[in-house]
PDB file of N, CA and C in Angstrom:
ATOM      1  N   MET A   1     -95.878 -22.618 -55.677  1.00  0.00           N
ATOM      2  CA  MET A   1     -96.554 -23.826 -55.733  1.00  0.00           C
ATOM      3  C   MET A   1     -98.067 -23.575 -55.733  1.00  0.00           C
ATOM      4  N   LYS A   2     -98.781 -24.294 -56.542  1.00  0.00           N
ATOM      5  CA  LYS A   2    -100.282 -24.177 -56.634  1.00  0.00           C
ATOM      6  C   LYS A   2    -100.887 -25.044 -55.504  1.00  0.00           C
ATOM      7  N   ILE A   3    -102.085 -24.595 -55.070  1.00  0.00           N
ATOM      8  CA  ILE A   3    -102.779 -25.296 -54.020  1.00  0.00           C
ATOM      9  C   ILE A   3    -103.099 -26.725 -54.457  1.00  0.00           C
ATOM     10  N   SER A   4    -103.391 -26.852 -55.784  1.00  0.00           N
ATOM     11  CA  SER A   4    -103.677 -28.205 -56.277  1.00  0.00           C
ATOM     12  C   SER A   4    -102.473 -29.133 -56.226  1.00  0.00           C
ATOM     13  N   GLU A   5    -101.311 -28.583 -56.010  1.00  0.00           N
ATOM     14  CA  GLU A   5    -100.109 -29.462 -55.822  1.00  0.00           C
ATOM     15  C   GLU A   5     -99.959 -29.793 -54.362  1.00  0.00           C
ATOM     16  N   LEU A   6    -100.685 -29.164 -53.483  1.00  0.00           N
ATOM     17  CA  LEU A   6    -100.562 -29.400 -52.033  1.00  0.00           C
ATOM     18  C   LEU A   6    -101.668 -30.300 -51.484  1.00  0.00           C
ATOM     19  N   ILE A   7    -102.937 -30.076 -51.998  1.00  0.00           N
ATOM     20  CA  ILE A   7    -104.072 -30.790 -51.446  1.00  0.00           C
ATOM     21  C   ILE A   7    -104.861 -31.450 -52.569  1.00  0.00           C
ATOM     22  N   THR A   8    -105.745 -32.412 -52.096  1.00  0.00           N
ATOM     23  CA  THR A   8    -106.623 -33.043 -53.003  1.00  0.00           C
ATOM     24  C   THR A   8    -107.974 -33.023 -52.311  1.00  0.00           C
ATOM     25  N   ILE A   9    -108.972 -32.733 -53.136  1.00  0.00           N
ATOM     26  CA  ILE A   9    -110.391 -32.857 -52.721  1.00  0.00           C
ATOM     27  C   ILE A   9    -111.126 -33.786 -53.650  1.00  0.00           C
ATOM     28  N   ASP A  10    -111.467 -34.955 -53.095  1.00  0.00           N
ATOM     29  CA  ASP A  10    -112.054 -36.008 -53.963  1.00  0.00           C
ATOM     30  C   ASP A  10    -113.052 -36.744 -53.092  1.00  0.00           C
ATOM     31  N   LYS A  11    -114.247 -36.911 -53.560  1.00  0.00           N
ATOM     32  CA  LYS A  11    -115.328 -37.568 -52.833  1.00  0.00           C
ATOM     33  C   LYS A  11    -114.930 -39.023 -52.424  1.00  0.00           C
ATOM     34  N   GLU A  12    -113.993 -39.655 -53.168  1.00  0.00           N
ATOM     35  CA  GLU A  12    -113.562 -40.962 -52.908  1.00  0.00           C
ATOM     36  C   GLU A  12    -112.497 -41.054 -51.828  1.00  0.00           C
ATOM     37  N   ILE A  13    -111.938 -39.899 -51.436  1.00  0.00           N
ATOM     38  CA  ILE A  13    -110.901 -39.914 -50.412  1.00  0.00           C
ATOM     39  C   ILE A  13    -111.433 -39.113 -49.224  1.00  0.00           C
ATOM     40  N   GLN A  14    -111.559 -39.744 -48.140  1.00  0.00           N
ATOM     41  CA  GLN A  14    -112.085 -39.124 -46.863  1.00  0.00           C
ATOM     42  C   GLN A  14    -113.397 -38.291 -47.092  1.00  0.00           C
ATOM     43  N   ASN A  15    -114.273 -38.796 -47.957  1.00  0.00           N
ATOM     44  CA  ASN A  15    -115.541 -38.204 -48.267  1.00  0.00           C
ATOM     45  C   ASN A  15    -115.437 -36.776 -48.693  1.00  0.00           C
ATOM     46  N   GLY A  16    -114.328 -36.420 -49.463  1.00  0.00           N
ATOM     47  CA  GLY A  16    -114.214 -35.080 -49.982  1.00  0.00           C
ATOM     48  C   GLY A  16    -113.548 -34.103 -49.047  1.00  0.00           C
ATOM     49  N   THR A  17    -113.122 -34.552 -47.887  1.00  0.00           N
ATOM     50  CA  THR A  17    -112.393 -33.690 -46.943  1.00  0.00           C
ATOM     51  C   THR A  17    -111.033 -33.329 -47.652  1.00  0.00           C
ATOM     52  N   PRO A  18    -110.652 -32.066 -47.605  1.00  0.00           N
ATOM     53  CA  PRO A  18    -109.304 -31.732 -48.181  1.00  0.00           C
ATOM     54  C   PRO A  18    -108.248 -32.502 -47.429  1.00  0.00           C
ATOM     55  N   VAL A  19    -107.356 -33.197 -48.232  1.00  0.00           N
ATOM     56  CA  VAL A  19    -106.297 -33.912 -47.706  1.00  0.00           C
ATOM     57  C   VAL A  19    -104.994 -33.524 -48.368  1.00  0.00           C
ATOM     58  N   PHE A  20    -103.841 -33.774 -47.691  1.00  0.00           N
ATOM     59  CA  PHE A  20    -102.549 -33.543 -48.313  1.00  0.00           C
ATOM     60  C   PHE A  20    -102.464 -34.413 -49.586  1.00  0.00           C
ATOM     61  N   LYS A  21    -102.017 -33.879 -50.685  1.00  0.00           N
ATOM     62  CA  LYS A  21    -101.900 -34.650 -51.923  1.00  0.00           C
ATOM     63  C   LYS A  21    -101.093 -35.878 -51.721  1.00  0.00           C
ATOM     64  N   ASN A  22    -101.648 -36.942 -52.348  1.00  0.00           N
ATOM     65  CA  ASN A  22    -101.005 -38.283 -52.305  1.00  0.00           C
ATOM     66  C   ASN A  22    -101.055 -38.933 -50.941  1.00  0.00           C
ATOM     67  N   THR A  23    -101.965 -38.454 -50.047  1.00  0.00           N
ATOM     68  CA  THR A  23    -102.130 -39.040 -48.768  1.00  0.00           C
ATOM     69  C   THR A  23    -103.610 -39.092 -48.435  1.00  0.00           C
ATOM     70  N   ARG A  24    -103.965 -39.577 -47.337  1.00  0.00           N
ATOM     71  CA  ARG A  24    -105.350 -39.627 -46.769  1.00  0.00           C
ATOM     72  C   ARG A  24    -105.382 -38.764 -45.526  1.00  0.00           C
ATOM     73  N   VAL A  25    -104.418 -37.894 -45.312  1.00  0.00           N
ATOM     74  CA  VAL A  25    -104.281 -37.122 -44.094  1.00  0.00           C
ATOM     75  C   VAL A  25    -105.052 -35.782 -44.325  1.00  0.00           C
ATOM     76  N   PRO A  26    -106.035 -35.557 -43.587  1.00  0.00           N
ATOM     77  CA  PRO A  26    -106.839 -34.313 -43.658  1.00  0.00           C
ATOM     78  C   PRO A  26    -105.975 -33.060 -43.332  1.00  0.00           C
ATOM     79  N   VAL A  27    -106.062 -32.018 -44.175  1.00  0.00           N
ATOM     80  CA  VAL A  27    -105.352 -30.775 -43.929  1.00  0.00           C
ATOM     81  C   VAL A  27    -105.623 -30.231 -42.635  1.00  0.00           C
ATOM     82  N   GLN A  28    -106.886 -30.316 -42.154  1.00  0.00           N
ATOM     83  CA  GLN A  28    -107.274 -29.823 -40.883  1.00  0.00           C
ATOM     84  C   GLN A  28    -106.525 -30.364 -39.729  1.00  0.00           C
ATOM     85  N   SER A  29    -105.983 -31.609 -39.874  1.00  0.00           N
ATOM     86  CA  SER A  29    -105.224 -32.219 -38.828  1.00  0.00           C
ATOM     87  C   SER A  29    -103.922 -31.460 -38.494  1.00  0.00           C
ATOM     88  N   LEU A  30    -103.352 -30.785 -39.538  1.00  0.00           N
ATOM     89  CA  LEU A  30    -102.151 -29.887 -39.257  1.00  0.00           C
ATOM     90  C   LEU A  30    -102.584 -28.793 -38.401  1.00  0.00           C
ATOM     91  N   PHE A  31    -103.678 -28.146 -38.701  1.00  0.00           N
ATOM     92  CA  PHE A  31    -104.137 -26.986 -37.898  1.00  0.00           C
ATOM     93  C   PHE A  31    -104.509 -27.370 -36.458  1.00  0.00           C
ATOM     94  N   TRP A  32    -105.170 -28.534 -36.342  1.00  0.00           N
ATOM     95  CA  TRP A  32    -105.542 -29.007 -35.041  1.00  0.00           C
ATOM     96  C   TRP A  32    -104.279 -29.262 -34.163  1.00  0.00           C
ATOM     97  N   HIS A  33    -103.254 -29.806 -34.801  1.00  0.00           N
ATOM     98  CA  HIS A  33    -101.987 -30.117 -34.109  1.00  0.00           C
ATOM     99  C   HIS A  33    -101.351 -28.792 -33.624  1.00  0.00           C
ATOM    100  N   ILE A  34    -101.261 -27.847 -34.536  1.00  0.00           N
ATOM    101  CA  ILE A  34    -100.648 -26.574 -34.215  1.00  0.00           C
ATOM    102  C   ILE A  34    -101.440 -25.849 -33.117  1.00  0.00           C
ATOM    103  N   GLU A  35    -102.762 -25.829 -33.226  1.00  0.00           N
ATOM    104  CA  GLU A  35    -103.609 -25.236 -32.215  1.00  0.00           C
ATOM    105  C   GLU A  35    -103.368 -25.898 -30.822  1.00  0.00           C
ATOM    106  N   SER A  36    -103.055 -27.173 -30.792  1.00  0.00           N
ATOM    107  CA  SER A  36    -102.854 -27.864 -29.548  1.00  0.00           C
ATOM    108  C   SER A  36    -101.360 -27.758 -29.047  1.00  0.00           C
ATOM    109  N   GLY A  37    -100.591 -26.960 -29.795  1.00  0.00           N
ATOM    110  CA  GLY A  37     -99.193 -26.763 -29.335  1.00  0.00           C
ATOM    111  C   GLY A  37     -98.217 -27.813 -29.856  1.00  0.00           C
ATOM    112  N   VAL A  38     -98.642 -28.646 -30.728  1.00  0.00           N
ATOM    113  CA  VAL A  38     -97.775 -29.684 -31.311  1.00  0.00           C
ATOM    114  C   VAL A  38     -96.918 -29.061 -32.357  1.00  0.00           C
ATOM    115  N   SER A  39     -95.645 -29.370 -32.416  1.00  0.00           N
ATOM    116  CA  SER A  39     -94.708 -28.807 -33.396  1.00  0.00           C
ATOM    117  C   SER A  39     -94.970 -29.490 -34.726  1.00  0.00           C
ATOM    118  N   ILE A  40     -94.512 -28.843 -35.781  1.00  0.00           N
ATOM    119  CA  ILE A  40     -94.694 -29.364 -37.169  1.00  0.00           C
ATOM    120  C   ILE A  40     -93.897 -30.715 -37.213  1.00  0.00           C
ATOM    121  N   ASP A  41     -92.691 -30.761 -36.632  1.00  0.00           N
ATOM    122  CA  ASP A  41     -91.932 -31.997 -36.612  1.00  0.00           C
ATOM    123  C   ASP A  41     -92.668 -33.162 -35.937  1.00  0.00           C
ATOM    124  N   ASP A  42     -93.367 -32.861 -34.846  1.00  0.00           N
ATOM    125  CA  ASP A  42     -94.155 -33.917 -34.176  1.00  0.00           C
ATOM    126  C   ASP A  42     -95.360 -34.276 -34.993  1.00  0.00           C
ATOM    127  N   PHE A  43     -95.953 -33.307 -35.718  1.00  0.00           N
ATOM    128  CA  PHE A  43     -97.096 -33.636 -36.629  1.00  0.00           C
ATOM    129  C   PHE A  43     -96.567 -34.591 -37.700  1.00  0.00           C
ATOM    130  N   LEU A  44     -95.388 -34.284 -38.251  1.00  0.00           N
ATOM    131  CA  LEU A  44     -94.846 -35.127 -39.247  1.00  0.00           C
ATOM    132  C   LEU A  44     -94.499 -36.541 -38.806  1.00  0.00           C
ATOM    133  N   LYS A  45     -94.147 -36.663 -37.575  1.00  0.00           N
ATOM    134  CA  LYS A  45     -93.926 -38.016 -36.985  1.00  0.00           C
ATOM    135  C   LYS A  45     -95.258 -38.762 -36.911  1.00  0.00           C
ATOM    136  N   ASP A  46     -96.345 -38.013 -36.551  1.00  0.00           N
ATOM    137  CA  ASP A  46     -97.672 -38.639 -36.478  1.00  0.00           C
ATOM    138  C   ASP A  46     -98.201 -39.026 -37.884  1.00  0.00           C
ATOM    139  N   PHE A  47     -97.816 -38.266 -38.873  1.00  0.00           N
ATOM    140  CA  PHE A  47     -98.328 -38.450 -40.225  1.00  0.00           C
ATOM    141  C   PHE A  47     -97.128 -38.541 -41.211  1.00  0.00           C
ATOM    142  N   PRO A  48     -96.400 -39.660 -41.222  1.00  0.00           N
ATOM    143  CA  PRO A  48     -95.169 -39.695 -42.047  1.00  0.00           C
ATOM    144  C   PRO A  48     -95.405 -39.620 -43.562  1.00  0.00           C
ATOM    145  N   SER A  49     -96.629 -39.818 -43.998  1.00  0.00           N
ATOM    146  CA  SER A  49     -96.937 -39.709 -45.398  1.00  0.00           C
ATOM    147  C   SER A  49     -97.002 -38.273 -45.905  1.00  0.00           C
ATOM    148  N   VAL A  50     -96.975 -37.295 -44.955  1.00  0.00           N
ATOM    149  CA  VAL A  50     -97.004 -35.883 -45.315  1.00  0.00           C
ATOM    150  C   VAL A  50     -95.503 -35.446 -45.330  1.00  0.00           C
ATOM    151  N   ALA A  51     -95.125 -34.809 -46.470  1.00  0.00           N
ATOM    152  CA  ALA A  51     -93.736 -34.243 -46.529  1.00  0.00           C
ATOM    153  C   ALA A  51     -93.660 -32.939 -45.835  1.00  0.00           C
ATOM    154  N   LYS A  52     -92.495 -32.670 -45.227  1.00  0.00           N
ATOM    155  CA  LYS A  52     -92.331 -31.391 -44.463  1.00  0.00           C
ATOM    156  C   LYS A  52     -92.615 -30.219 -45.362  1.00  0.00           C
ATOM    157  N   GLU A  53     -92.141 -30.311 -46.646  1.00  0.00           N
ATOM    158  CA  GLU A  53     -92.385 -29.234 -47.574  1.00  0.00           C
ATOM    159  C   GLU A  53     -93.912 -29.019 -47.826  1.00  0.00           C
ATOM    160  N   GLN A  54     -94.666 -30.049 -47.803  1.00  0.00           N
ATOM    161  CA  GLN A  54     -96.144 -29.899 -47.971  1.00  0.00           C
ATOM    162  C   GLN A  54     -96.751 -29.064 -46.843  1.00  0.00           C
ATOM    163  N   ALA A  55     -96.339 -29.433 -45.591  1.00  0.00           N
ATOM    164  CA  ALA A  55     -96.865 -28.752 -44.450  1.00  0.00           C
ATOM    165  C   ALA A  55     -96.463 -27.302 -44.440  1.00  0.00           C
ATOM    166  N   ILE A  56     -95.223 -27.046 -44.691  1.00  0.00           N
ATOM    167  CA  ILE A  56     -94.688 -25.620 -44.682  1.00  0.00           C
ATOM    168  C   ILE A  56     -95.368 -24.822 -45.819  1.00  0.00           C
ATOM    169  N   GLN A  57     -95.443 -25.412 -47.001  1.00  0.00           N
ATOM    170  CA  GLN A  57     -96.111 -24.725 -48.113  1.00  0.00           C
ATOM    171  C   GLN A  57     -97.591 -24.373 -47.813  1.00  0.00           C
ATOM    172  N   LEU A  58     -98.261 -25.371 -47.202  1.00  0.00           N
ATOM    173  CA  LEU A  58     -99.682 -25.103 -46.848  1.00  0.00           C
ATOM    174  C   LEU A  58     -99.805 -23.952 -45.842  1.00  0.00           C
ATOM    175  N   LEU A  59     -98.906 -23.898 -44.868  1.00  0.00           N
ATOM    176  CA  LEU A  59     -98.938 -22.825 -43.903  1.00  0.00           C
ATOM    177  C   LEU A  59     -98.615 -21.429 -44.546  1.00  0.00           C
ATOM    178  N   THR A  60     -97.686 -21.495 -45.545  1.00  0.00           N
ATOM    179  CA  THR A  60     -97.349 -20.319 -46.291  1.00  0.00           C
ATOM    180  C   THR A  60     -98.490 -19.826 -47.111  1.00  0.00           C
ATOM    181  N   PHE A  61     -99.193 -20.795 -47.774  1.00  0.00           N
ATOM    182  CA  PHE A  61    -100.351 -20.453 -48.528  1.00  0.00           C
ATOM    183  C   PHE A  61    -101.462 -19.888 -47.696  1.00  0.00           C
ATOM    184  N   SER A  62    -101.663 -20.475 -46.515  1.00  0.00           N
ATOM    185  CA  SER A  62    -102.684 -19.930 -45.549  1.00  0.00           C
ATOM    186  C   SER A  62    -102.345 -18.523 -45.144  1.00  0.00           C
ATOM    187  N   GLU A  63    -101.090 -18.252 -44.888  1.00  0.00           N
ATOM    188  CA  GLU A  63    -100.664 -16.931 -44.456  1.00  0.00           C
ATOM    189  C   GLU A  63    -101.011 -15.909 -45.580  1.00  0.00           C
ATOM    190  N   LYS A  64    -100.717 -16.298 -46.815  1.00  0.00           N
ATOM    191  CA  LYS A  64    -101.002 -15.378 -47.930  1.00  0.00           C
ATOM    192  C   LYS A  64    -102.484 -15.087 -48.049  1.00  0.00           C
ATOM    193  N   ILE A  65    -103.321 -16.065 -47.801  1.00  0.00           N
ATOM    194  CA  ILE A  65    -104.740 -15.834 -47.832  1.00  0.00           C
ATOM    195  C   ILE A  65    -105.161 -14.812 -46.766  1.00  0.00           C
ATOM    196  N   PHE A  66    -104.688 -14.973 -45.576  1.00  0.00           N
ATOM    197  CA  PHE A  66    -105.135 -14.150 -44.501  1.00  0.00           C
ATOM    198  C   PHE A  66    -104.438 -12.783 -44.444  1.00  0.00           C
ATOM    199  N   THR A  67    -103.395 -12.602 -45.250  1.00  0.00           N
ATOM    200  CA  THR A  67    -102.789 -11.260 -45.290  1.00  0.00           C
ATOM    201  C   THR A  67    -103.030 -10.543 -46.611  1.00  0.00           C
ATOM    202  N   SER A  68    -103.864 -11.136 -47.474  1.00  0.00           N
ATOM    203  CA  SER A  68    -104.120 -10.513 -48.778  1.00  0.00           C
ATOM    204  C   SER A  68    -105.026  -9.309 -48.613  1.00  0.00           C
ATOM    205  N   PRO A  69    -104.740  -8.258 -49.337  1.00  0.00           N
ATOM    206  CA  PRO A  69    -105.554  -7.024 -49.325  1.00  0.00           C
ATOM    207  C   PRO A  69    -106.990  -7.352 -49.651  1.00  0.00           C
ATOM    208  N   GLU A  70    -107.246  -8.273 -50.590  1.00  0.00           N
ATOM    209  CA  GLU A  70    -108.586  -8.603 -50.975  1.00  0.00           C
ATOM    210  C   GLU A  70    -109.381  -9.131 -49.826  1.00  0.00           C
ATOM    211  N   LEU A  71    -108.786  -9.995 -49.005  1.00  0.00           N
ATOM    212  CA  LEU A  71    -109.498 -10.600 -47.841  1.00  0.00           C
ATOM    213  C   LEU A  71    -109.776  -9.441 -46.815  1.00  0.00           C
ATOM    214  N   ILE A  72    -108.763  -8.597 -46.651  1.00  0.00           N
ATOM    215  CA  ILE A  72    -108.963  -7.483 -45.772  1.00  0.00           C
ATOM    216  C   ILE A  72    -110.161  -6.558 -46.162  1.00  0.00           C
ATOM    217  N   GLN A  73    -110.164  -6.243 -47.471  1.00  0.00           N
ATOM    218  CA  GLN A  73    -111.245  -5.421 -48.022  1.00  0.00           C
ATOM    219  C   GLN A  73    -112.559  -6.113 -47.880  1.00  0.00           C
ATOM    220  N   LEU A  74    -112.671  -7.442 -48.165  1.00  0.00           N
ATOM    221  CA  LEU A  74    -113.878  -8.195 -48.023  1.00  0.00           C
ATOM    222  C   LEU A  74    -114.340  -8.189 -46.581  1.00  0.00           C
ATOM    223  N   TYR A  75    -113.430  -8.414 -45.636  1.00  0.00           N
ATOM    224  CA  TYR A  75    -113.752  -8.347 -44.206  1.00  0.00           C
ATOM    225  C   TYR A  75    -114.323  -7.001 -43.806  1.00  0.00           C
ATOM    226  N   GLU A  76    -113.664  -5.906 -44.181  1.00  0.00           N
ATOM    227  CA  GLU A  76    -114.073  -4.574 -43.907  1.00  0.00           C
ATOM    228  C   GLU A  76    -115.440  -4.253 -44.427  1.00  0.00           C
ATOM    229  N   SER A  77    -115.720  -4.709 -45.662  1.00  0.00           N
ATOM    230  CA  SER A  77    -116.958  -4.384 -46.267  1.00  0.00           C
ATOM    231  C   SER A  77    -118.126  -5.242 -45.614  1.00  0.00           C
ATOM    232  N   ALA A  78    -117.803  -6.400 -45.014  1.00  0.00           N
ATOM    233  CA  ALA A  78    -118.797  -7.223 -44.399  1.00  0.00           C
ATOM    234  C   ALA A  78    -119.023  -6.880 -42.948  1.00  0.00           C
ATOM    235  N   ALA A  79    -118.061  -6.164 -42.340  1.00  0.00           N
ATOM    236  CA  ALA A  79    -118.166  -5.837 -40.907  1.00  0.00           C
ATOM    237  C   ALA A  79    -119.168  -4.860 -40.556  1.00  0.00           C
TER     238      ALA A  79
END
């Protein structure tokens, strides 16, 4: 799945804050919930317009970013 299928960035929606596609729910709200110890299922109860697949795919996409060799090389070169 492409990131453009998961999120929308549009100045007309939440002032350009990245949101889950077809919603007005900021992507950051998922991470805030997880950081606070809230389960994905409880997050989805709070934001029923977000599909479970969207949340899981976004987390999978984030994992790929932070485990990519390119990111590791960039980090090491900047450190």
